[in-house]
C-alpha atoms as a PDB file:
ATOM      1  CA  UNK A   1      71.350  91.430  51.106  1.00  0.00           C
ATOM      2  CA  UNK A   2      68.822  89.607  53.269  1.00  0.00           C
ATOM      3  CA  UNK A   3      71.170  89.796  56.269  1.00  0.00           C
ATOM      4  CA  UNK A   4      71.452  93.571  55.875  1.00  0.00           C
ATOM      5  CA  UNK A   5      67.673  93.922  55.758  1.00  0.00           C
ATOM      6  CA  UNK A   6      67.253  91.709  58.814  1.00  0.00           C
ATOM      7  CA  UNK A   7      69.920  93.660  60.680  1.00  0.00           C
ATOM      8  CA  UNK A   8      68.083  96.895  59.907  1.00  0.00           C
ATOM      9  CA  UNK A   9      64.814  95.406  61.201  1.00  0.00           C
ATOM     10  CA  UNK A  10      66.629  94.294  64.342  1.00  0.00           C
ATOM     11  CA  UNK A  11      68.014  97.820  64.848  1.00  0.00           C
ATOM     12  CA  UNK A  12      64.518  99.253  64.532  1.00  0.00           C
ATOM     13  CA  UNK A  13      63.196  96.708  67.014  1.00  0.00           C
ATOM     14  CA  UNK A  14      65.972  97.509  69.491  1.00  0.00           C
ATOM     15  CA  UNK A  15      65.302 101.248  69.172  1.00  0.00           C
ATOM     16  CA  UNK A  16      61.623 100.666  69.868  1.00  0.00           C
ATOM     17  CA  UNK A  17      62.515  98.298  72.710  1.00  0.00           C
ATOM     18  CA  UNK A  18      64.635 101.039  74.309  1.00  0.00           C
ATOM     19  CA  UNK A  19      61.630 103.358  74.188  1.00  0.00           C
ATOM     20  CA  UNK A  20      59.432 100.702  75.787  1.00  0.00           C
ATOM     21  CA  UNK A  21      61.973 100.092  78.553  1.00  0.00           C
ATOM     22  CA  UNK A  22      62.143 103.846  79.215  1.00  0.00           C
ATOM     23  CA  UNK A  23      58.357 103.847  79.548  1.00  0.00           C
ATOM     24  CA  UNK A  24      58.572 100.807  81.825  1.00  0.00           C
ATOM     25  CA  UNK A  25      61.018 102.663  84.060  1.00  0.00           C
ATOM     26  CA  UNK A  26      58.558 105.539  84.308  1.00  0.00           C
ATOM     27  CA  UNK A  27      55.764 103.104  85.203  1.00  0.00           C
ATOM     28  CA  UNK A  28      57.946 101.633  87.952  1.00  0.00           C
ATOM     29  CA  UNK A  29      57.612 104.931  89.801  1.00  0.00           C
ATOM     30  CA  UNK A  30      53.850 104.452  90.021  1.00  0.00           C
ATOM     31  CA  UNK A  31      53.728 100.690  90.410  1.00  0.00           C
ATOM     32  CA  UNK A  32      51.143 100.944  93.177  1.00  0.00           C
ATOM     33  CA  UNK A  33      48.610 102.212  90.645  1.00  0.00           C
ATOM     34  CA  UNK A  34      46.608  99.807  88.519  1.00  0.00           C
ATOM     35  CA  UNK A  35      47.155 101.902  85.376  1.00  0.00           C
ATOM     36  CA  UNK A  36      50.936 101.674  85.740  1.00  0.00           C
ATOM     37  CA  UNK A  37      50.729  97.929  86.306  1.00  0.00           C
ATOM     38  CA  UNK A  38      48.550  97.473  83.235  1.00  0.00           C
ATOM     39  CA  UNK A  39      50.891  99.541  81.071  1.00  0.00           C
ATOM     40  CA  UNK A  40      53.942  97.696  82.353  1.00  0.00           C
ATOM     41  CA  UNK A  41      52.334  94.312  81.664  1.00  0.00           C
ATOM     42  CA  UNK A  42      51.308  95.464  78.177  1.00  0.00           C
ATOM     43  CA  UNK A  43      54.807  96.669  77.280  1.00  0.00           C
ATOM     44  CA  UNK A  44      56.351  93.489  78.674  1.00  0.00           C
ATOM     45  CA  UNK A  45      53.929  91.387  76.654  1.00  0.00           C
ATOM     46  CA  UNK A  46      54.902  93.222  73.465  1.00  0.00           C
ATOM     47  CA  UNK A  47      58.623  92.753  74.120  1.00  0.00           C
ATOM     48  CA  UNK A  48      58.103  89.105  75.005  1.00  0.00           C
ATOM     49  CA  UNK A  49      56.623  88.331  71.599  1.00  0.00           C
ATOM     50  CA  UNK A  50      58.779  90.616  69.499  1.00  0.00           C
ATOM     51  CA  UNK A  51      62.014  89.668  71.210  1.00  0.00           C
ATOM     52  CA  UNK A  52      61.461  86.014  70.429  1.00  0.00           C
ATOM     53  CA  UNK A  53      60.528  86.800  66.836  1.00  0.00           C
ATOM     54  CA  UNK A  54      63.869  88.520  66.278  1.00  0.00           C
ATOM     55  CA  UNK A  55      65.831  85.786  68.022  1.00  0.00           C
ATOM     56  CA  UNK A  56      66.458  87.734  71.230  1.00  0.00           C
ATOM     57  CA  UNK A  57      65.562  85.053  73.731  1.00  0.00           C
ATOM     58  CA  UNK A  58      66.924  86.895  76.783  1.00  0.00           C
ATOM     59  CA  UNK A  59      64.777  89.936  75.973  1.00  0.00           C
ATOM     60  CA  UNK A  60      61.753  87.675  75.579  1.00  0.00           C
ATOM     61  CA  UNK A  61      62.501  85.808  78.814  1.00  0.00           C
ATOM     62  CA  UNK A  62      62.984  88.931  80.935  1.00  0.00           C
ATOM     63  CA  UNK A  63      59.847  90.484  79.462  1.00  0.00           C
ATOM     64  CA  UNK A  64      57.883  87.315  80.294  1.00  0.00           C
ATOM     65  CA  UNK A  65      59.178  87.471  83.879  1.00  0.00           C
ATOM     66  CA  UNK A  66      58.049  91.093  84.159  1.00  0.00           C
ATOM     67  CA  UNK A  67      54.622  90.227  82.807  1.00  0.00           C
ATOM     68  CA  UNK A  68      54.210  87.360  85.295  1.00  0.00           C
ATOM     69  CA  UNK A  69      55.461  89.439  88.209  1.00  0.00           C
ATOM     70  CA  UNK A  70      53.123  92.336  87.425  1.00  0.00           C
ATOM     71  CA  UNK A  71      50.185  89.939  87.204  1.00  0.00           C
ATOM     72  CA  UNK A  72      51.088  88.565  90.625  1.00  0.00           C
ATOM     73  CA  UNK A  73      50.964  92.101  92.092  1.00  0.00           C
ATOM     74  CA  UNK A  74      47.260  92.422  91.340  1.00  0.00           C
ATOM     75  CA  UNK A  75      45.240  92.273  94.514  1.00  0.00           C
ATOM     76  CA  UNK A  76      48.185  92.532  96.888  1.00  0.00           C
ATOM     77  CA  UNK A  77      48.099  95.245  99.490  1.00  0.00           C
ATOM     78  CA  UNK A  78      50.894  97.797  99.639  1.00  0.00           C
ATOM     79  CA  UNK A  79      53.967  96.421 101.345  1.00  0.00           C
ATOM     80  CA  UNK A  80      53.318  92.789 100.462  1.00  0.00           C
ATOM     81  CA  UNK A  81      54.502  93.298  96.915  1.00  0.00           C
ATOM     82  CA  UNK A  82      57.883  94.831  97.781  1.00  0.00           C
ATOM     83  CA  UNK A  83      59.851  91.716  96.813  1.00  0.00           C
ATOM     84  CA  UNK A  84      57.918  91.422  93.567  1.00  0.00           C
ATOM     85  CA  UNK A  85      58.529  95.087  92.781  1.00  0.00           C
ATOM     86  CA  UNK A  86      62.256  94.578  93.358  1.00  0.00           C
ATOM     87  CA  UNK A  87      62.200  91.609  90.994  1.00  0.00           C
ATOM     88  CA  UNK A  88      60.410  93.692  88.349  1.00  0.00           C
ATOM     89  CA  UNK A  89      63.013  96.450  88.678  1.00  0.00           C
ATOM     90  CA  UNK A  90      65.806  93.906  88.243  1.00  0.00           C
ATOM     91  CA  UNK A  91      64.218  92.482  85.101  1.00  0.00           C
ATOM     92  CA  UNK A  92      63.681  95.951  83.635  1.00  0.00           C
ATOM     93  CA  UNK A  93      67.370  96.662  84.267  1.00  0.00           C
ATOM     94  CA  UNK A  94      68.285  93.341  82.651  1.00  0.00           C
ATOM     95  CA  UNK A  95      66.176  94.252  79.625  1.00  0.00           C
ATOM     96  CA  UNK A  96      67.911  97.610  79.253  1.00  0.00           C
ATOM     97  CA  UNK A  97      71.341  95.975  79.503  1.00  0.00           C
ATOM     98  CA  UNK A  98      70.464  93.206  77.052  1.00  0.00           C
ATOM     99  CA  UNK A  99      69.051  95.658  74.518  1.00  0.00           C
ATOM    100  CA  UNK A 100      72.235  97.721  74.730  1.00  0.00           C
ATOM    101  CA  UNK A 101      74.369  94.592  74.345  1.00  0.00           C
ATOM    102  CA  UNK A 102      72.412  93.411  71.306  1.00  0.00           C
ATOM    103  CA  UNK A 103      72.650  96.851  69.703  1.00  0.00           C
ATOM    104  CA  UNK A 104      76.435  96.889  70.188  1.00  0.00           C
ATOM    105  CA  UNK A 105      76.702  93.477  68.562  1.00  0.00           C
ATOM    106  CA  UNK A 106      74.793  94.714  65.501  1.00  0.00           C
ATOM    107  CA  UNK A 107      77.212  97.626  65.215  1.00  0.00           C
END
């Protein structure tokens, strides 16, 4: 019974994580704006903590990488952060793929 309850909590987390990743993808389109960076860092921070709590280390790790990368963008002029932005996009894609994989495993 406990496993079924935990699985249901994990499904809820993964559904919410999908929504957060969708919002992250939207923020990627405005990454030059401070508001988008702040929102992206906030969402990544949430996924970092929650992912680890549910035993999803890869979700937590990618979210932590996004958070660090966004923080490193602060204060950079346009153009200098292109490599960092590419890295953020890759990690957001990794998050989406990992969430989908975890959801498939839960059935």
